[in-house]
Amino acid sequence: MKTSDKGIEQIKSFEGFRSMPYQDVVGKWTVGYGHLMIPGDGTVQGSPITMGQATELLRKDLHTAEQAVNSCGVELEQNEFDALVSFVYNLGVGAFQRSTLLKLIKTGNKVAASGEFPKWSMAGGKEVPGILKRRRAEQDCFLHATYVG
């Protein structure tokens, strides 16, 4: 499966657009819609990018998250897939692979799995309202096909 256009728009709304490269909370250079800059990706520290370039980088970046979700071995509806890709894009493949969320999905208990989204709202040992808002929106998308963005 691939992330739907609605799923991409939802991720864009969570990430926000930054045309100029900046260092994220852990000091990694980032630009566009949460793209981590790497040599050879067409981005240059100190140079802006357009929304179109940022969207293209996001689509490429989502490939890793899509692969992780596709490899979970469970049939998913598009909204469930989109919610999980957003989760993985934000938290990383490793966190997803170790999560109770994935374990519950693999058992077929999607309702219980959806209850795991809000548990991933911490940063620096504290709950972050913006992250909790994102997790609740992902949960809503997963359960009810409700998208924001």
C-alpha atoms as a PDB file:
ATOM      1  CA  MET A   1       0.000   0.000   0.000  1.00  0.00           C
ATOM      2  CA  LYS A   2       0.927   3.655  -0.419  1.00  0.00           C
ATOM      3  CA  THR A   3      -0.073   6.651   1.666  1.00  0.00           C
ATOM      4  CA  SER A   4      -3.199   8.319   0.281  1.00  0.00           C
ATOM      5  CA  ASP A   5      -3.308  11.989  -0.676  1.00  0.00           C
ATOM      6  CA  LYS A   6      -5.447  12.627   2.424  1.00  0.00           C
ATOM      7  CA  GLY A   7      -2.852  10.842   4.542  1.00  0.00           C
ATOM      8  CA  ILE A   8      -0.060  12.969   3.075  1.00  0.00           C
ATOM      9  CA  GLU A   9      -2.022  16.159   3.721  1.00  0.00           C
ATOM     10  CA  GLN A  10      -2.580  15.069   7.323  1.00  0.00           C
ATOM     11  CA  ILE A  11       1.145  14.440   7.813  1.00  0.00           C
ATOM     12  CA  LYS A  12       1.915  17.840   6.282  1.00  0.00           C
ATOM     13  CA  SER A  13      -0.460  19.499   8.749  1.00  0.00           C
ATOM     14  CA  PHE A  14       1.262  17.767  11.685  1.00  0.00           C
ATOM     15  CA  GLU A  15       4.797  18.492  10.509  1.00  0.00           C
ATOM     16  CA  GLY A  16       4.265  22.034   9.280  1.00  0.00           C
ATOM     17  CA  PHE A  17       6.292  23.542   6.443  1.00  0.00           C
ATOM     18  CA  ARG A  18       9.667  25.190   6.986  1.00  0.00           C
ATOM     19  CA  SER A  19      11.368  26.509   3.849  1.00  0.00           C
ATOM     20  CA  MET A  20      14.654  27.220   5.624  1.00  0.00           C
ATOM     21  CA  PRO A  21      16.763  24.451   7.162  1.00  0.00           C
ATOM     22  CA  TYR A  22      16.766  24.389  10.960  1.00  0.00           C
ATOM     23  CA  GLN A  23      18.055  22.164  13.720  1.00  0.00           C
ATOM     24  CA  ASP A  24      15.341  20.048  15.330  1.00  0.00           C
ATOM     25  CA  VAL A  25      15.062  19.393  19.082  1.00  0.00           C
ATOM     26  CA  VAL A  26      17.902  16.856  18.957  1.00  0.00           C
ATOM     27  CA  GLY A  27      20.121  18.998  16.724  1.00  0.00           C
ATOM     28  CA  LYS A  28      19.490  17.298  13.373  1.00  0.00           C
ATOM     29  CA  TRP A  29      19.225  19.538  10.331  1.00  0.00           C
ATOM     30  CA  THR A  30      15.674  19.474   9.018  1.00  0.00           C
ATOM     31  CA  VAL A  31      13.726  21.246   6.277  1.00  0.00           C
ATOM     32  CA  GLY A  32      10.332  21.142   4.571  1.00  0.00           C
ATOM     33  CA  TYR A  33       7.839  18.766   6.199  1.00  0.00           C
ATOM     34  CA  GLY A  34      10.185  17.181   8.731  1.00  0.00           C
ATOM     35  CA  HIS A  35      12.776  15.994   6.205  1.00  0.00           C
ATOM     36  CA  LEU A  36      16.088  15.112   7.852  1.00  0.00           C
ATOM     37  CA  MET A  37      18.769  16.537   5.577  1.00  0.00           C
ATOM     38  CA  ILE A  38      21.417  14.150   4.267  1.00  0.00           C
ATOM     39  CA  PRO A  39      24.212  14.696   1.742  1.00  0.00           C
ATOM     40  CA  GLY A  40      23.018  14.195  -1.825  1.00  0.00           C
ATOM     41  CA  ASP A  41      19.303  14.720  -1.163  1.00  0.00           C
ATOM     42  CA  GLY A  42      19.198  18.043  -3.033  1.00  0.00           C
ATOM     43  CA  THR A  43      18.992  20.214   0.068  1.00  0.00           C
ATOM     44  CA  VAL A  44      21.665  22.692   1.110  1.00  0.00           C
ATOM     45  CA  GLN A  45      22.163  24.013   4.619  1.00  0.00           C
ATOM     46  CA  GLY A  46      21.266  27.717   4.574  1.00  0.00           C
ATOM     47  CA  SER A  47      19.242  27.505   1.333  1.00  0.00           C
ATOM     48  CA  PRO A  48      15.441  27.512   1.206  1.00  0.00           C
ATOM     49  CA  ILE A  49      13.264  24.954  -0.564  1.00  0.00           C
ATOM     50  CA  THR A  50       9.818  25.334  -2.111  1.00  0.00           C
ATOM     51  CA  MET A  51       6.637  23.610  -0.957  1.00  0.00           C
ATOM     52  CA  GLY A  52       6.815  21.481  -4.097  1.00  0.00           C
ATOM     53  CA  GLN A  53      10.341  20.344  -3.272  1.00  0.00           C
ATOM     54  CA  ALA A  54       9.279  19.680   0.320  1.00  0.00           C
ATOM     55  CA  THR A  55       6.339  17.558  -0.852  1.00  0.00           C
ATOM     56  CA  GLU A  56       8.625  15.522  -3.108  1.00  0.00           C
ATOM     57  CA  LEU A  57      11.069  14.949  -0.230  1.00  0.00           C
ATOM     58  CA  LEU A  58       8.170  13.921   2.033  1.00  0.00           C
ATOM     59  CA  ARG A  59       6.896  11.398  -0.514  1.00  0.00           C
ATOM     60  CA  LYS A  60      10.380   9.875  -0.744  1.00  0.00           C
ATOM     61  CA  ASP A  61      10.786   9.878   3.037  1.00  0.00           C
ATOM     62  CA  LEU A  62       7.430   8.144   3.513  1.00  0.00           C
ATOM     63  CA  HIS A  63       8.685   5.134   1.568  1.00  0.00           C
ATOM     64  CA  THR A  64      10.563   3.824   4.637  1.00  0.00           C
ATOM     65  CA  ALA A  65       7.503   4.199   6.870  1.00  0.00           C
ATOM     66  CA  GLU A  66       5.285   2.577   4.236  1.00  0.00           C
ATOM     67  CA  GLN A  67       7.632  -0.399   3.996  1.00  0.00           C
ATOM     68  CA  ALA A  68       7.537  -0.833   7.786  1.00  0.00           C
ATOM     69  CA  VAL A  69       3.742  -0.791   7.865  1.00  0.00           C
ATOM     70  CA  ASN A  70       3.427  -3.017   4.791  1.00  0.00           C
ATOM     71  CA  SER A  71       5.729  -5.578   6.405  1.00  0.00           C
ATOM     72  CA  CYS A  72       3.552  -6.021   9.497  1.00  0.00           C
ATOM     73  CA  GLY A  73       1.705  -8.835   7.725  1.00  0.00           C
ATOM     74  CA  VAL A  74      -1.834  -7.645   8.419  1.00  0.00           C
ATOM     75  CA  GLU A  75      -4.495  -6.502   5.981  1.00  0.00           C
ATOM     76  CA  LEU A  76      -5.288  -2.855   6.637  1.00  0.00           C
ATOM     77  CA  GLU A  77      -7.862  -0.368   5.424  1.00  0.00           C
ATOM     78  CA  GLN A  78      -6.436   2.786   3.786  1.00  0.00           C
ATOM     79  CA  ASN A  79      -7.213   4.963   6.820  1.00  0.00           C
ATOM     80  CA  GLU A  80      -5.495   2.493   9.169  1.00  0.00           C
ATOM     81  CA  PHE A  81      -2.461   2.384   6.900  1.00  0.00           C
ATOM     82  CA  ASP A  82      -2.290   6.192   6.677  1.00  0.00           C
ATOM     83  CA  ALA A  83      -2.504   6.573  10.464  1.00  0.00           C
ATOM     84  CA  LEU A  84       0.267   4.043  10.992  1.00  0.00           C
ATOM     85  CA  VAL A  85       2.521   5.627   8.359  1.00  0.00           C
ATOM     86  CA  SER A  86       2.117   8.988  10.117  1.00  0.00           C
ATOM     87  CA  PHE A  87       3.013   7.332  13.428  1.00  0.00           C
ATOM     88  CA  VAL A  88       6.093   5.621  11.963  1.00  0.00           C
ATOM     89  CA  TYR A  89       7.226   8.752  10.084  1.00  0.00           C
ATOM     90  CA  ASN A  90       7.158  10.689  13.349  1.00  0.00           C
ATOM     91  CA  LEU A  91       8.594   8.078  15.720  1.00  0.00           C
ATOM     92  CA  GLY A  92      10.725   5.848  13.530  1.00  0.00           C
ATOM     93  CA  VAL A  93      10.633   2.263  12.346  1.00  0.00           C
ATOM     94  CA  GLY A  94      12.343   0.861  15.454  1.00  0.00           C
ATOM     95  CA  ALA A  95       9.809   2.345  17.857  1.00  0.00           C
ATOM     96  CA  PHE A  96       6.973   0.951  15.726  1.00  0.00           C
ATOM     97  CA  GLN A  97       8.517  -2.512  15.509  1.00  0.00           C
ATOM     98  CA  ARG A  98       8.906  -2.674  19.306  1.00  0.00           C
ATOM     99  CA  SER A  99       5.487  -1.195  20.080  1.00  0.00           C
ATOM    100  CA  THR A 100       2.510  -2.789  21.756  1.00  0.00           C
ATOM    101  CA  LEU A 101       0.524  -1.026  19.038  1.00  0.00           C
ATOM    102  CA  LEU A 102       2.038  -3.326  16.419  1.00  0.00           C
ATOM    103  CA  LYS A 103       1.712  -6.407  18.632  1.00  0.00           C
ATOM    104  CA  LEU A 104      -2.018  -5.734  19.066  1.00  0.00           C
ATOM    105  CA  ILE A 105      -2.509  -5.114  15.345  1.00  0.00           C
ATOM    106  CA  LYS A 106      -0.869  -8.459  14.607  1.00  0.00           C
ATOM    107  CA  THR A 107      -3.317 -10.190  16.967  1.00  0.00           C
ATOM    108  CA  GLY A 108      -6.200  -8.592  15.078  1.00  0.00           C
ATOM    109  CA  ASN A 109      -7.290  -6.434  18.006  1.00  0.00           C
ATOM    110  CA  LYS A 110      -7.413  -3.113  16.182  1.00  0.00           C
ATOM    111  CA  VAL A 111      -9.618  -1.402  18.773  1.00  0.00           C
ATOM    112  CA  ALA A 112      -7.136  -2.156  21.549  1.00  0.00           C
ATOM    113  CA  ALA A 113      -4.289  -1.192  19.222  1.00  0.00           C
ATOM    114  CA  SER A 114      -5.865   2.210  18.633  1.00  0.00           C
ATOM    115  CA  GLY A 115      -5.698   2.845  22.374  1.00  0.00           C
ATOM    116  CA  GLU A 116      -1.912   2.774  22.119  1.00  0.00           C
ATOM    117  CA  PHE A 117      -1.592   5.920  19.970  1.00  0.00           C
ATOM    118  CA  PRO A 118      -1.985   8.447  22.836  1.00  0.00           C
ATOM    119  CA  LYS A 119       0.602   6.606  24.922  1.00  0.00           C
ATOM    120  CA  TRP A 120       3.272   7.911  22.511  1.00  0.00           C
ATOM    121  CA  SER A 121       2.893  11.598  23.410  1.00  0.00           C
ATOM    122  CA  MET A 122       6.002  12.106  25.532  1.00  0.00           C
ATOM    123  CA  ALA A 123       9.211  13.980  24.794  1.00  0.00           C
ATOM    124  CA  GLY A 124      11.933  14.522  27.331  1.00  0.00           C
ATOM    125  CA  GLY A 125       9.923  12.589  29.927  1.00  0.00           C
ATOM    126  CA  LYS A 126       6.931  14.963  29.688  1.00  0.00           C
ATOM    127  CA  GLU A 127       3.686  14.835  27.790  1.00  0.00           C
ATOM    128  CA  VAL A 128       3.734  17.314  24.915  1.00  0.00           C
ATOM    129  CA  PRO A 129       0.296  18.724  24.000  1.00  0.00           C
ATOM    130  CA  GLY A 130       1.144  19.002  20.284  1.00  0.00           C
ATOM    131  CA  ILE A 131       2.308  15.407  20.117  1.00  0.00           C
ATOM    132  CA  LEU A 132      -0.764  14.224  22.028  1.00  0.00           C
ATOM    133  CA  LYS A 133      -2.949  16.120  19.549  1.00  0.00           C
ATOM    134  CA  ARG A 134      -1.198  14.325  16.687  1.00  0.00           C
ATOM    135  CA  ARG A 135      -1.552  10.905  18.356  1.00  0.00           C
ATOM    136  CA  ARG A 136      -5.287  11.506  18.940  1.00  0.00           C
ATOM    137  CA  ALA A 137      -5.735  12.535  15.307  1.00  0.00           C
ATOM    138  CA  GLU A 138      -3.872   9.390  14.177  1.00  0.00           C
ATOM    139  CA  GLN A 139      -6.093   7.343  16.486  1.00  0.00           C
ATOM    140  CA  ASP A 140      -9.204   8.976  14.990  1.00  0.00           C
ATOM    141  CA  CYS A 141      -7.943   8.337  11.476  1.00  0.00           C
ATOM    142  CA  PHE A 142      -7.158   4.711  12.344  1.00  0.00           C
ATOM    143  CA  LEU A 143     -10.575   4.026  13.887  1.00  0.00           C
ATOM    144  CA  HIS A 144     -12.960   6.277  12.003  1.00  0.00           C
ATOM    145  CA  ALA A 145     -11.200   7.392   8.775  1.00  0.00           C
ATOM    146  CA  THR A 146     -11.286  10.969  10.105  1.00  0.00           C
ATOM    147  CA  TYR A 147      -8.495  13.045   8.596  1.00  0.00           C
ATOM    148  CA  VAL A 148      -7.187  16.498   9.541  1.00  0.00           C
ATOM    149  CA  GLY A 149      -5.299  18.827   7.247  1.00  0.00           C
END
